C-alpha atoms as a PDB file:
ATOM      1  CA  UNK A   1     -87.900 -15.906  40.741  1.00  0.00           C
ATOM      2  CA  UNK A   2     -84.777 -16.987  42.517  1.00  0.00           C
ATOM      3  CA  UNK A   3     -83.118 -14.239  44.260  1.00  0.00           C
ATOM      4  CA  UNK A   4     -79.634 -14.213  43.437  1.00  0.00           C
ATOM      5  CA  UNK A   5     -77.353 -11.944  45.245  1.00  0.00           C
ATOM      6  CA  UNK A   6     -73.524 -11.505  44.797  1.00  0.00           C
ATOM      7  CA  UNK A   7     -71.311 -10.952  47.618  1.00  0.00           C
ATOM      8  CA  UNK A   8     -68.409  -8.532  47.104  1.00  0.00           C
ATOM      9  CA  UNK A   9     -65.934  -8.721  49.882  1.00  0.00           C
ATOM     10  CA  UNK A  10     -64.297  -5.515  48.821  1.00  0.00           C
ATOM     11  CA  UNK A  11     -66.402  -2.675  49.129  1.00  0.00           C
ATOM     12  CA  UNK A  12     -66.449  -0.972  46.121  1.00  0.00           C
ATOM     13  CA  UNK A  13     -67.442   2.728  47.389  1.00  0.00           C
ATOM     14  CA  UNK A  14     -64.911   2.929  50.106  1.00  0.00           C
ATOM     15  CA  UNK A  15     -61.982   1.264  48.363  1.00  0.00           C
ATOM     16  CA  UNK A  16     -62.493   3.942  45.114  1.00  0.00           C
ATOM     17  CA  UNK A  17     -62.572   6.733  47.425  1.00  0.00           C
ATOM     18  CA  UNK A  18     -59.880   6.268  49.589  1.00  0.00           C
ATOM     19  CA  UNK A  19     -56.246   7.318  48.689  1.00  0.00           C
ATOM     20  CA  UNK A  20     -54.894   3.682  49.548  1.00  0.00           C
ATOM     21  CA  UNK A  21     -57.705   2.334  47.392  1.00  0.00           C
ATOM     22  CA  UNK A  22     -56.793   4.707  44.229  1.00  0.00           C
ATOM     23  CA  UNK A  23     -53.212   3.954  44.714  1.00  0.00           C
ATOM     24  CA  UNK A  24     -53.458   0.371  44.634  1.00  0.00           C
ATOM     25  CA  UNK A  25     -55.792   0.286  41.425  1.00  0.00           C
ATOM     26  CA  UNK A  26     -53.183   2.608  39.790  1.00  0.00           C
ATOM     27  CA  UNK A  27     -50.239   0.336  40.867  1.00  0.00           C
ATOM     28  CA  UNK A  28     -52.281  -2.492  39.805  1.00  0.00           C
ATOM     29  CA  UNK A  29     -53.274  -1.539  36.384  1.00  0.00           C
ATOM     30  CA  UNK A  30     -49.725   0.129  35.715  1.00  0.00           C
ATOM     31  CA  UNK A  31     -47.635  -2.668  36.811  1.00  0.00           C
ATOM     32  CA  UNK A  32     -50.108  -5.019  34.585  1.00  0.00           C
ATOM     33  CA  UNK A  33     -48.868  -2.434  31.743  1.00  0.00           C
ATOM     34  CA  UNK A  34     -45.429  -2.850  32.276  1.00  0.00           C
ATOM     35  CA  UNK A  35     -45.421  -6.524  32.671  1.00  0.00           C
ATOM     36  CA  UNK A  36     -47.027  -7.130  29.310  1.00  0.00           C
ATOM     37  CA  UNK A  37     -44.660  -4.655  27.502  1.00  0.00           C
ATOM     38  CA  UNK A  38     -41.658  -6.401  29.057  1.00  0.00           C
ATOM     39  CA  UNK A  39     -43.104  -9.921  28.008  1.00  0.00           C
ATOM     40  CA  UNK A  40     -43.466  -8.301  24.488  1.00  0.00           C
ATOM     41  CA  UNK A  41     -39.987  -7.165  24.566  1.00  0.00           C
ATOM     42  CA  UNK A  42     -38.728 -10.664  25.792  1.00  0.00           C
ATOM     43  CA  UNK A  43     -40.665 -12.354  23.121  1.00  0.00           C
ATOM     44  CA  UNK A  44     -39.439  -9.978  20.316  1.00  0.00           C
ATOM     45  CA  UNK A  45     -35.829 -10.732  21.591  1.00  0.00           C
ATOM     46  CA  UNK A  46     -36.375 -14.506  21.723  1.00  0.00           C
ATOM     47  CA  UNK A  47     -37.933 -14.460  17.977  1.00  0.00           C
ATOM     48  CA  UNK A  48     -35.378 -12.334  16.752  1.00  0.00           C
ATOM     49  CA  UNK A  49     -32.284 -14.672  17.952  1.00  0.00           C
ATOM     50  CA  UNK A  50     -33.687 -17.131  15.178  1.00  0.00           C
ATOM     51  CA  UNK A  51     -33.079 -14.462  12.743  1.00  0.00           C
ATOM     52  CA  UNK A  52     -29.597 -13.639  14.151  1.00  0.00           C
ATOM     53  CA  UNK A  53     -28.449 -17.166  14.292  1.00  0.00           C
ATOM     54  CA  UNK A  54     -29.380 -17.681  10.690  1.00  0.00           C
ATOM     55  CA  UNK A  55     -27.481 -14.610   9.742  1.00  0.00           C
ATOM     56  CA  UNK A  56     -24.351 -15.698  11.690  1.00  0.00           C
ATOM     57  CA  UNK A  57     -24.456 -19.404  10.147  1.00  0.00           C
ATOM     58  CA  UNK A  58     -25.000 -17.503   6.554  1.00  0.00           C
ATOM     59  CA  UNK A  59     -21.840 -15.390   7.205  1.00  0.00           C
ATOM     60  CA  UNK A  60     -19.787 -18.201   8.547  1.00  0.00           C
ATOM     61  CA  UNK A  61     -20.579 -20.438   5.564  1.00  0.00           C
ATOM     62  CA  UNK A  62     -19.541 -17.091   3.373  1.00  0.00           C
ATOM     63  CA  UNK A  63     -16.209 -16.757   5.275  1.00  0.00           C
ATOM     64  CA  UNK A  64     -15.440 -20.550   4.866  1.00  0.00           C
ATOM     65  CA  UNK A  65     -16.173 -20.498   1.233  1.00  0.00           C
ATOM     66  CA  UNK A  66     -14.116 -17.496   0.319  1.00  0.00           C
ATOM     67  CA  UNK A  67     -11.100 -18.697   2.759  1.00  0.00           C
ATOM     68  CA  UNK A  68     -11.027 -21.868   0.690  1.00  0.00           C
ATOM     69  CA  UNK A  69     -10.909 -19.824  -2.512  1.00  0.00           C
ATOM     70  CA  UNK A  70      -8.092 -17.650  -1.163  1.00  0.00           C
ATOM     71  CA  UNK A  71      -6.085 -20.683  -0.104  1.00  0.00           C
ATOM     72  CA  UNK A  72      -6.567 -22.547  -3.557  1.00  0.00           C
ATOM     73  CA  UNK A  73      -5.486 -19.321  -5.429  1.00  0.00           C
ATOM     74  CA  UNK A  74      -2.810 -18.727  -2.839  1.00  0.00           C
ATOM     75  CA  UNK A  75       0.036 -20.159  -5.271  1.00  0.00           C
ATOM     76  CA  UNK A  76      -1.396 -18.314  -8.452  1.00  0.00           C
ATOM     77  CA  UNK A  77      -1.127 -15.248  -6.625  1.00  0.00           C
ATOM     78  CA  UNK A  78       2.473 -15.798  -5.510  1.00  0.00           C
ATOM     79  CA  UNK A  79       3.354 -16.548  -9.278  1.00  0.00           C
ATOM     80  CA  UNK A  80       1.675 -13.439 -10.306  1.00  0.00           C
ATOM     81  CA  UNK A  81       3.615 -11.110  -7.804  1.00  0.00           C
ATOM     82  CA  UNK A  82       6.580 -12.642  -8.671  1.00  0.00           C
ATOM     83  CA  UNK A  83       6.198 -12.100 -12.482  1.00  0.00           C
ATOM     84  CA  UNK A  84       5.071  -8.573 -11.683  1.00  0.00           C
ATOM     85  CA  UNK A  85       8.112  -8.105  -9.646  1.00  0.00           C
ATOM     86  CA  UNK A  86      10.268  -9.111 -12.763  1.00  0.00           C
ATOM     87  CA  UNK A  87       8.165  -7.007 -15.013  1.00  0.00           C
ATOM     88  CA  UNK A  88       8.904  -4.029 -12.884  1.00  0.00           C
ATOM     89  CA  UNK A  89      12.461  -4.358 -12.691  1.00  0.00           C
ATOM     90  CA  UNK A  90      12.597  -5.147 -16.131  1.00  0.00           C
ATOM     91  CA  UNK A  91      10.866  -1.828 -16.914  1.00  0.00           C
ATOM     92  CA  UNK A  92      13.277   0.010 -14.675  1.00  0.00           C
ATOM     93  CA  UNK A  93      15.870  -1.254 -16.585  1.00  0.00           C
ATOM     94  CA  UNK A  94      14.135  -0.263 -19.969  1.00  0.00           C
ATOM     95  CA  UNK A  95      13.619   3.444 -18.747  1.00  0.00           C
ATOM     96  CA  UNK A  96      17.407   3.739 -17.430  1.00  0.00           C
ATOM     97  CA  UNK A  97      20.161   4.645 -20.022  1.00  0.00           C
ATOM     98  CA  UNK A  98      21.830   1.585 -21.505  1.00  0.00           C
ATOM     99  CA  UNK A  99      25.568   1.154 -20.974  1.00  0.00           C
ATOM    100  CA  UNK A 100      26.297   0.517 -24.647  1.00  0.00           C
ATOM    101  CA  UNK A 101      24.411   3.797 -25.511  1.00  0.00           C
ATOM    102  CA  UNK A 102      26.671   5.713 -22.920  1.00  0.00           C
ATOM    103  CA  UNK A 103      29.839   4.006 -24.157  1.00  0.00           C
ATOM    104  CA  UNK A 104      28.830   5.390 -27.909  1.00  0.00           C
ATOM    105  CA  UNK A 105      28.059   8.867 -26.553  1.00  0.00           C
ATOM    106  CA  UNK A 106      31.618   9.000 -25.094  1.00  0.00           C
ATOM    107  CA  UNK A 107      33.514   7.670 -28.033  1.00  0.00           C
ATOM    108  CA  UNK A 108      31.688   9.800 -30.393  1.00  0.00           C
ATOM    109  CA  UNK A 109      32.870  12.965 -28.551  1.00  0.00           C
ATOM    110  CA  UNK A 110      36.435  11.481 -28.211  1.00  0.00           C
ATOM    111  CA  UNK A 111      39.219  13.767 -30.348  1.00  0.00           C
ATOM    112  CA  UNK A 112      41.501  12.352 -32.653  1.00  0.00           C
ATOM    113  CA  UNK A 113      44.606  12.696 -30.654  1.00  0.00           C
ATOM    114  CA  UNK A 114      42.950  10.938 -27.534  1.00  0.00           C
ATOM    115  CA  UNK A 115      42.785   6.921 -27.005  1.00  0.00           C
ATOM    116  CA  UNK A 116      40.588   5.676 -24.456  1.00  0.00           C
ATOM    117  CA  UNK A 117      42.579   2.852 -22.036  1.00  0.00           C
ATOM    118  CA  UNK A 118      39.688   1.912 -19.833  1.00  0.00           C
ATOM    119  CA  UNK A 119      36.033   2.313 -19.198  1.00  0.00           C
ATOM    120  CA  UNK A 120      34.196   1.361 -16.016  1.00  0.00           C
ATOM    121  CA  UNK A 121      30.511   1.576 -16.247  1.00  0.00           C
ATOM    122  CA  UNK A 122      28.439   1.257 -13.435  1.00  0.00           C
ATOM    123  CA  UNK A 123      24.729   2.165 -12.355  1.00  0.00           C
ATOM    124  CA  UNK A 124      24.647   6.419 -12.998  1.00  0.00           C
ATOM    125  CA  UNK A 125      28.282   6.716 -13.185  1.00  0.00           C
ATOM    126  CA  UNK A 126      31.451   6.229 -15.735  1.00  0.00           C
ATOM    127  CA  UNK A 127      34.873   6.471 -15.096  1.00  0.00           C
ATOM    128  CA  UNK A 128      37.022   6.821 -18.164  1.00  0.00           C
ATOM    129  CA  UNK A 129      40.771   6.652 -18.201  1.00  0.00           C
ATOM    130  CA  UNK A 130      42.699   7.264 -21.604  1.00  0.00           C
ATOM    131  CA  UNK A 131      45.918   9.061 -22.964  1.00  0.00           C
ATOM    132  CA  UNK A 132      46.270  12.181 -25.161  1.00  0.00           C
ATOM    133  CA  UNK A 133      48.813  13.622 -27.200  1.00  0.00           C
ATOM    134  CA  UNK A 134      48.217  16.856 -25.328  1.00  0.00           C
ATOM    135  CA  UNK A 135      46.125  18.860 -22.713  1.00  0.00           C
ATOM    136  CA  UNK A 136      44.127  20.787 -25.510  1.00  0.00           C
ATOM    137  CA  UNK A 137      42.945  17.069 -26.649  1.00  0.00           C
ATOM    138  CA  UNK A 138      41.802  16.504 -22.948  1.00  0.00           C
ATOM    139  CA  UNK A 139      40.146  20.046 -22.810  1.00  0.00           C
ATOM    140  CA  UNK A 140      38.288  19.646 -25.767  1.00  0.00           C
ATOM    141  CA  UNK A 141      37.081  16.027 -24.892  1.00  0.00           C
ATOM    142  CA  UNK A 142      35.844  17.449 -21.676  1.00  0.00           C
ATOM    143  CA  UNK A 143      33.910  20.088 -23.108  1.00  0.00           C
ATOM    144  CA  UNK A 144      32.161  18.171 -25.697  1.00  0.00           C
ATOM    145  CA  UNK A 145      31.114  15.991 -23.014  1.00  0.00           C
ATOM    146  CA  UNK A 146      29.535  18.809 -21.171  1.00  0.00           C
ATOM    147  CA  UNK A 147      27.605  19.907 -24.148  1.00  0.00           C
ATOM    148  CA  UNK A 148      26.096  16.240 -24.184  1.00  0.00           C
ATOM    149  CA  UNK A 149      22.405  16.282 -22.343  1.00  0.00           C
ATOM    150  CA  UNK A 150      22.635  12.947 -21.640  1.00  0.00           C
ATOM    151  CA  UNK A 151      25.297  13.438 -18.649  1.00  0.00           C
ATOM    152  CA  UNK A 152      24.560  15.351 -15.501  1.00  0.00           C
ATOM    153  CA  UNK A 153      28.018  15.994 -14.549  1.00  0.00           C
ATOM    154  CA  UNK A 154      31.651  15.871 -16.273  1.00  0.00           C
ATOM    155  CA  UNK A 155      34.530  16.197 -13.959  1.00  0.00           C
ATOM    156  CA  UNK A 156      38.314  15.939 -14.665  1.00  0.00           C
ATOM    157  CA  UNK A 157      39.213  13.216 -11.907  1.00  0.00           C
ATOM    158  CA  UNK A 158      43.328  13.327 -12.770  1.00  0.00           C
ATOM    159  CA  UNK A 159      45.725  14.365 -15.134  1.00  0.00           C
ATOM    160  CA  UNK A 160      49.269  12.658 -15.202  1.00  0.00           C
ATOM    161  CA  UNK A 161      52.220  12.424 -17.490  1.00  0.00           C
ATOM    162  CA  UNK A 162      52.891   9.017 -19.116  1.00  0.00           C
ATOM    163  CA  UNK A 163      56.168   7.636 -17.576  1.00  0.00           C
ATOM    164  CA  UNK A 164      56.673   5.187 -20.650  1.00  0.00           C
ATOM    165  CA  UNK A 165      56.130   8.018 -23.245  1.00  0.00           C
ATOM    166  CA  UNK A 166      56.748  11.493 -21.995  1.00  0.00           C
ATOM    167  CA  UNK A 167      54.724  13.227 -25.009  1.00  0.00           C
ATOM    168  CA  UNK A 168      51.482  11.238 -23.806  1.00  0.00           C
ATOM    169  CA  UNK A 169      49.293  12.698 -21.014  1.00  0.00           C
ATOM    170  CA  UNK A 170      47.308  10.288 -18.862  1.00  0.00           C
ATOM    171  CA  UNK A 171      43.756  11.668 -17.735  1.00  0.00           C
ATOM    172  CA  UNK A 172      40.704  10.087 -16.119  1.00  0.00           C
ATOM    173  CA  UNK A 173      37.265  11.776 -16.269  1.00  0.00           C
ATOM    174  CA  UNK A 174      34.127  11.139 -13.946  1.00  0.00           C
ATOM    175  CA  UNK A 175      30.961  10.952 -15.551  1.00  0.00           C
ATOM    176  CA  UNK A 176      27.291  11.061 -13.939  1.00  0.00           C
ATOM    177  CA  UNK A 177      24.218  10.485 -15.890  1.00  0.00           C
END
């Protein structure tokens, strides 16, 4: 039988017993675990890079497609907004009181002895000038205008006697609606 002897240059008994030996053995095994864990983290980061690159590429492609869609529909959007603003303006005009309705409401309240000489209709206000045979006709006209719910305020702007016909009284009335 051959005699086989193994040679160990580090004495096992003294190395495990001494404090330096235990610290070195602990440090070697701990650092080995730290190196393995660090390598695993690096490998995971390296492999996740492929997934992140694929995600980034997909997102860039989606952005290019959507920006192309937006640019192709820009003219349609501009035209749509233009038409929409016109519809809004038309809707506001429909909601407001029409000048023809205002003139009809004013002339229906006019007494028999009064004649209108001018009507100026603007947005939200009307100025009326006219002549009357007497001040009572003007007072009756203003009172009947104030009872109409269409008008917010009715104010007598001026009263003057006519130079051409002294029996006629010239008046002007401001109406807001």
